[in-house]
Amino acid sequence: MVMNFEIIIFTPIFAAFLGFIVFNILKKRKRSAKSIYKLIDDLEKKYIY
């Protein structure tokens, strides 16, 4: 009975934690071409002009 109780408690917590990590990795990795061009443009303005 104790083993069953631990599985019921920790499985949703572990799944939520894993989902949060995957979501953060995908959010950081996703860079559109528009944001990259904006970054390059900002750096050019800062260091060249």
Protein backbone atom coordinates (compact mmCIF):
# COMPACT_ATOMS: atom_id res chain seq x y z
CA MET A 1 0.00 0.00 0.00
CA VAL A 2 2.83 2.40 0.78
CA MET A 3 4.46 1.77 -2.61
CA ASN A 4 1.19 2.52 -4.40
CA PHE A 5 0.77 5.77 -2.48
CA GLU A 6 4.27 6.96 -3.46
CA ILE A 7 3.63 6.22 -7.13
CA ILE A 8 0.35 8.16 -7.04
CA ILE A 9 2.04 11.18 -5.41
CA PHE A 10 5.34 11.36 -7.31
CA THR A 11 4.32 10.45 -10.87
CA PRO A 12 2.40 13.70 -11.61
CA ILE A 13 5.12 15.78 -9.93
CA PHE A 14 7.82 14.10 -12.01
CA ALA A 15 5.79 14.47 -15.22
CA ALA A 16 5.19 18.17 -14.57
CA PHE A 17 8.88 18.74 -13.82
CA LEU A 18 9.92 16.92 -17.00
CA GLY A 19 7.42 18.92 -19.07
CA PHE A 20 8.69 22.18 -17.60
CA ILE A 21 12.30 21.31 -18.51
CA VAL A 22 11.37 20.34 -22.10
CA PHE A 23 9.30 23.52 -22.50
CA ASN A 24 12.21 25.71 -21.34
CA ILE A 25 14.69 24.01 -23.67
CA LEU A 26 12.39 24.45 -26.67
CA LYS A 27 11.66 28.06 -25.77
CA LYS A 28 15.36 28.95 -25.52
CA ARG A 29 16.29 27.10 -28.71
CA LYS A 30 13.58 28.69 -30.83
CA ARG A 31 14.98 31.76 -32.56
CA SER A 32 13.25 33.02 -35.65
CA ALA A 33 15.13 34.57 -38.54
CA LYS A 34 13.49 37.90 -37.70
CA SER A 35 14.97 37.95 -34.20
CA ILE A 36 18.42 36.97 -35.51
CA TYR A 37 18.36 39.79 -38.10
CA LYS A 38 17.27 42.24 -35.41
CA LEU A 39 20.15 41.12 -33.20
CA ILE A 40 22.66 41.59 -36.04
CA ASP A 41 21.20 44.99 -36.88
CA ASP A 42 21.42 46.13 -33.26
CA LEU A 43 25.04 45.00 -33.01
CA GLU A 44 25.92 46.81 -36.24
CA LYS A 45 24.35 50.01 -34.94
CA LYS A 46 26.19 49.70 -31.65
CA TYR A 47 29.67 48.92 -32.96
CA ILE A 48 29.90 50.26 -36.53
CA TYR A 49 27.95 53.52 -36.65
